[in-house]
Structures are given as structure tokens and as C-alpha cells.
């Protein structure tokens, strides 16, 4: 029972961390002094999560699947949040949007596989990604 509670706590902490970074990124974008640094965001994410955003972006499907299997905190909801973070990073002037958008799409696909349900919000994100990649 304690192990299950610990895992649930880790899942919640991870989700809160992603939401915090996402909120920070959106707030910075809305300010007049918007100066996004992917290196700083990646460093902050790595300190909190223990792995790098750039590392995730560089993974192929097989490696990403193996990575997700080793990280129980990356449940469907947190993958959805992580995909949203990747989409927001793709909007930053200093990033390469294609790589982040493709990673977000893969994360959304994995979230659907985990949930085994159709999710309208995820579908909207996929449509946004598809439009941006064209």
C-alpha cells in the first residue's frame, strides 16, 4: 500500500512540475521581456525530473517506448502535459519547432495507447501540430 501511495505521489509531483514550467513559459511569453532560453528550461526540467527534454526530443519511437516503461510517473495525463510543454517550447523563437512538435505528437500517441480512449483535447493538439508541420 505504501508503494502505491509513493508512486501516486510521484505522479502528482511530476504533473505539478510540468504545470509549473508550462505556466512559467506562458507567463514569460506574455510579458514584454520575453527571452526564452531552451538551455535554462531544459536544465530546470532536468533538475526536477531527472531527465532532459532534449534527450526526449532526440529519441526514436522504440527508445521512447522503453524510456516510458521505466518511468511510472509518466502516465497518460502527464504525457499529455509534457506534450503541451513541447508545443509551447516549439513556439519559442530560439527553438527548432519541428523536433518539438514531432516529439509532442509521439507523446500524445503514447498517451492514447495508455488510456485506450479517444481524447478530444489530444486530437486538437494533434491537429495544431499537423497544421504547423505543413
C-alpha atoms as a PDB file:
ATOM      1  CA  UNK A   1       0.000   0.000   0.000  1.00  0.00           C
ATOM      2  CA  UNK A   2       2.813   2.425   0.819  1.00  0.00           C
ATOM      3  CA  UNK A   3       4.494   1.706  -2.521  1.00  0.00           C
ATOM      4  CA  UNK A   4       1.284   2.567  -4.370  1.00  0.00           C
ATOM      5  CA  UNK A   5       0.933   5.822  -2.412  1.00  0.00           C
ATOM      6  CA  UNK A   6       4.551   6.694  -3.173  1.00  0.00           C
ATOM      7  CA  UNK A   7       4.047   6.116  -6.900  1.00  0.00           C
ATOM      8  CA  UNK A   8       0.852   8.189  -6.894  1.00  0.00           C
ATOM      9  CA  UNK A   9       2.695  10.979  -5.071  1.00  0.00           C
ATOM     10  CA  UNK A  10       5.487  10.871  -7.659  1.00  0.00           C
ATOM     11  CA  UNK A  11       2.957  11.021 -10.493  1.00  0.00           C
ATOM     12  CA  UNK A  12       1.285  14.047  -8.918  1.00  0.00           C
ATOM     13  CA  UNK A  13       4.611  15.800  -8.230  1.00  0.00           C
ATOM     14  CA  UNK A  14       5.710  15.259 -11.816  1.00  0.00           C
ATOM     15  CA  UNK A  15       2.439  16.681 -13.148  1.00  0.00           C
ATOM     16  CA  UNK A  16       2.746  19.713 -10.887  1.00  0.00           C
ATOM     17  CA  UNK A  17       6.326  20.283 -12.020  1.00  0.00           C
ATOM     18  CA  UNK A  18       5.297  20.214 -15.687  1.00  0.00           C
ATOM     19  CA  UNK A  19       2.391  22.568 -14.982  1.00  0.00           C
ATOM     20  CA  UNK A  20       4.772  24.933 -13.202  1.00  0.00           C
ATOM     21  CA  UNK A  21       7.180  25.040 -16.147  1.00  0.00           C
ATOM     22  CA  UNK A  22       4.308  25.382 -18.599  1.00  0.00           C
ATOM     23  CA  UNK A  23       2.826  28.272 -16.611  1.00  0.00           C
ATOM     24  CA  UNK A  24       6.204  29.964 -16.369  1.00  0.00           C
ATOM     25  CA  UNK A  25       6.753  29.651 -20.115  1.00  0.00           C
ATOM     26  CA  UNK A  26       3.298  31.065 -20.933  1.00  0.00           C
ATOM     27  CA  UNK A  27       3.710  33.948 -18.456  1.00  0.00           C
ATOM     28  CA  UNK A  28       7.113  34.807 -19.910  1.00  0.00           C
ATOM     29  CA  UNK A  29       5.705  34.763 -23.437  1.00  0.00           C
ATOM     30  CA  UNK A  30       3.005  37.233 -22.407  1.00  0.00           C
ATOM     31  CA  UNK A  31       5.479  39.661 -20.847  1.00  0.00           C
ATOM     32  CA  UNK A  32       7.242  42.338 -22.835  1.00  0.00           C
ATOM     33  CA  UNK A  33      10.635  40.994 -21.758  1.00  0.00           C
ATOM     34  CA  UNK A  34      10.165  37.581 -23.338  1.00  0.00           C
ATOM     35  CA  UNK A  35      13.558  35.937 -23.574  1.00  0.00           C
ATOM     36  CA  UNK A  36      13.127  32.175 -23.690  1.00  0.00           C
ATOM     37  CA  UNK A  37      16.180  30.077 -23.064  1.00  0.00           C
ATOM     38  CA  UNK A  38      15.813  26.449 -24.026  1.00  0.00           C
ATOM     39  CA  UNK A  39      19.041  25.649 -22.200  1.00  0.00           C
ATOM     40  CA  UNK A  40      17.687  27.105 -18.940  1.00  0.00           C
ATOM     41  CA  UNK A  41      14.294  25.427 -19.344  1.00  0.00           C
ATOM     42  CA  UNK A  42      15.987  22.119 -20.109  1.00  0.00           C
ATOM     43  CA  UNK A  43      18.302  22.475 -17.120  1.00  0.00           C
ATOM     44  CA  UNK A  44      15.381  23.292 -14.807  1.00  0.00           C
ATOM     45  CA  UNK A  45      13.400  20.347 -16.156  1.00  0.00           C
ATOM     46  CA  UNK A  46      16.371  18.001 -15.760  1.00  0.00           C
ATOM     47  CA  UNK A  47      16.932  19.132 -12.165  1.00  0.00           C
ATOM     48  CA  UNK A  48      13.293  18.478 -11.317  1.00  0.00           C
ATOM     49  CA  UNK A  49      12.545  15.415 -13.446  1.00  0.00           C
ATOM     50  CA  UNK A  50      15.925  13.742 -13.689  1.00  0.00           C
ATOM     51  CA  UNK A  51      15.977  13.666 -17.481  1.00  0.00           C
ATOM     52  CA  UNK A  52      16.389  16.149 -20.285  1.00  0.00           C
ATOM     53  CA  UNK A  53      13.753  17.488 -22.658  1.00  0.00           C
ATOM     54  CA  UNK A  54      16.330  17.460 -25.444  1.00  0.00           C
ATOM     55  CA  UNK A  55      17.009  13.811 -24.724  1.00  0.00           C
ATOM     56  CA  UNK A  56      13.310  13.024 -25.160  1.00  0.00           C
ATOM     57  CA  UNK A  57      13.129  15.036 -28.375  1.00  0.00           C
ATOM     58  CA  UNK A  58      16.052  13.057 -29.797  1.00  0.00           C
ATOM     59  CA  UNK A  59      14.565   9.618 -29.067  1.00  0.00           C
ATOM     60  CA  UNK A  60      13.063   7.409 -31.738  1.00  0.00           C
ATOM     61  CA  UNK A  61       9.785   5.569 -31.060  1.00  0.00           C
ATOM     62  CA  UNK A  62      11.452   2.395 -29.811  1.00  0.00           C
ATOM     63  CA  UNK A  63      13.705   4.213 -27.317  1.00  0.00           C
ATOM     64  CA  UNK A  64      10.866   6.465 -26.205  1.00  0.00           C
ATOM     65  CA  UNK A  65       8.672   3.447 -25.523  1.00  0.00           C
ATOM     66  CA  UNK A  66      11.431   1.802 -23.454  1.00  0.00           C
ATOM     67  CA  UNK A  67      12.033   5.077 -21.613  1.00  0.00           C
ATOM     68  CA  UNK A  68       8.344   5.480 -20.766  1.00  0.00           C
ATOM     69  CA  UNK A  69       8.194   1.900 -19.477  1.00  0.00           C
ATOM     70  CA  UNK A  70      10.915   2.786 -16.933  1.00  0.00           C
ATOM     71  CA  UNK A  71       9.183   5.954 -15.704  1.00  0.00           C
ATOM     72  CA  UNK A  72       5.861   5.238 -13.964  1.00  0.00           C
ATOM     73  CA  UNK A  73       5.403   8.956 -13.252  1.00  0.00           C
ATOM     74  CA  UNK A  74       4.797   9.421 -16.981  1.00  0.00           C
ATOM     75  CA  UNK A  75       1.177   8.333 -17.025  1.00  0.00           C
ATOM     76  CA  UNK A  76      -1.242   9.407 -19.777  1.00  0.00           C
ATOM     77  CA  UNK A  77      -2.142  12.701 -18.081  1.00  0.00           C
ATOM     78  CA  UNK A  78       1.495  13.641 -17.543  1.00  0.00           C
ATOM     79  CA  UNK A  79       2.376  12.690 -21.115  1.00  0.00           C
ATOM     80  CA  UNK A  80      -0.409  14.997 -22.220  1.00  0.00           C
ATOM     81  CA  UNK A  81       1.062  17.806 -20.088  1.00  0.00           C
ATOM     82  CA  UNK A  82       4.540  17.068 -21.378  1.00  0.00           C
ATOM     83  CA  UNK A  83       3.242  17.245 -24.960  1.00  0.00           C
ATOM     84  CA  UNK A  84       1.706  20.644 -24.138  1.00  0.00           C
ATOM     85  CA  UNK A  85       5.075  21.787 -22.803  1.00  0.00           C
ATOM     86  CA  UNK A  86       6.766  20.624 -26.024  1.00  0.00           C
ATOM     87  CA  UNK A  87       4.181  22.542 -28.070  1.00  0.00           C
ATOM     88  CA  UNK A  88       4.783  25.697 -26.044  1.00  0.00           C
ATOM     89  CA  UNK A  89       8.559  25.327 -26.430  1.00  0.00           C
ATOM     90  CA  UNK A  90       8.070  24.976 -30.194  1.00  0.00           C
ATOM     91  CA  UNK A  91       6.547  28.469 -30.203  1.00  0.00           C
ATOM     92  CA  UNK A  92       9.686  29.990 -28.711  1.00  0.00           C
ATOM     93  CA  UNK A  93      11.892  31.892 -31.156  1.00  0.00           C
ATOM     94  CA  UNK A  94      15.086  30.091 -30.080  1.00  0.00           C
ATOM     95  CA  UNK A  95      13.852  26.541 -30.638  1.00  0.00           C
ATOM     96  CA  UNK A  96      13.517  24.260 -33.638  1.00  0.00           C
ATOM     97  CA  UNK A  97       9.739  23.822 -33.733  1.00  0.00           C
ATOM     98  CA  UNK A  98       9.665  20.711 -35.917  1.00  0.00           C
ATOM     99  CA  UNK A  99      11.558  18.465 -33.486  1.00  0.00           C
ATOM    100  CA  UNK A 100       9.480  19.561 -30.502  1.00  0.00           C
ATOM    101  CA  UNK A 101       6.216  19.198 -32.388  1.00  0.00           C
ATOM    102  CA  UNK A 102       7.107  15.714 -33.595  1.00  0.00           C
ATOM    103  CA  UNK A 103       8.022  14.709 -30.038  1.00  0.00           C
ATOM    104  CA  UNK A 104       4.739  16.151 -28.753  1.00  0.00           C
ATOM    105  CA  UNK A 105       2.848  14.108 -31.330  1.00  0.00           C
ATOM    106  CA  UNK A 106       4.635  10.904 -30.255  1.00  0.00           C
ATOM    107  CA  UNK A 107       3.864  11.656 -26.601  1.00  0.00           C
ATOM    108  CA  UNK A 108       0.198  12.173 -27.438  1.00  0.00           C
ATOM    109  CA  UNK A 109       0.132   8.861 -29.303  1.00  0.00           C
ATOM    110  CA  UNK A 110       1.634   7.075 -26.315  1.00  0.00           C
ATOM    111  CA  UNK A 111      -0.887   8.761 -24.007  1.00  0.00           C
ATOM    112  CA  UNK A 112      -3.707   7.438 -26.192  1.00  0.00           C
ATOM    113  CA  UNK A 113      -2.210   3.949 -26.092  1.00  0.00           C
ATOM    114  CA  UNK A 114      -2.075   4.100 -22.293  1.00  0.00           C
ATOM    115  CA  UNK A 115      -5.619   5.445 -21.925  1.00  0.00           C
ATOM    116  CA  UNK A 116      -7.105   3.317 -24.676  1.00  0.00           C
ATOM    117  CA  UNK A 117      -9.692   6.065 -25.166  1.00  0.00           C
ATOM    118  CA  UNK A 118     -10.290   8.915 -27.586  1.00  0.00           C
ATOM    119  CA  UNK A 119      -9.453  12.296 -26.097  1.00  0.00           C
ATOM    120  CA  UNK A 120     -10.766  15.402 -27.841  1.00  0.00           C
ATOM    121  CA  UNK A 121      -8.111  17.708 -26.345  1.00  0.00           C
ATOM    122  CA  UNK A 122      -5.333  15.458 -27.580  1.00  0.00           C
ATOM    123  CA  UNK A 123      -6.919  15.397 -31.011  1.00  0.00           C
ATOM    124  CA  UNK A 124      -6.995  19.203 -31.073  1.00  0.00           C
ATOM    125  CA  UNK A 125      -3.307  19.252 -30.183  1.00  0.00           C
ATOM    126  CA  UNK A 126      -2.579  16.793 -32.994  1.00  0.00           C
ATOM    127  CA  UNK A 127      -4.469  18.993 -35.460  1.00  0.00           C
ATOM    128  CA  UNK A 128      -2.461  22.007 -34.301  1.00  0.00           C
ATOM    129  CA  UNK A 129       0.773  20.041 -34.748  1.00  0.00           C
ATOM    130  CA  UNK A 130      -0.260  18.854 -38.204  1.00  0.00           C
ATOM    131  CA  UNK A 131      -1.102  22.405 -39.284  1.00  0.00           C
ATOM    132  CA  UNK A 132       2.238  23.734 -38.018  1.00  0.00           C
ATOM    133  CA  UNK A 133       4.232  20.981 -39.709  1.00  0.00           C
ATOM    134  CA  UNK A 134       2.697  21.609 -43.143  1.00  0.00           C
END
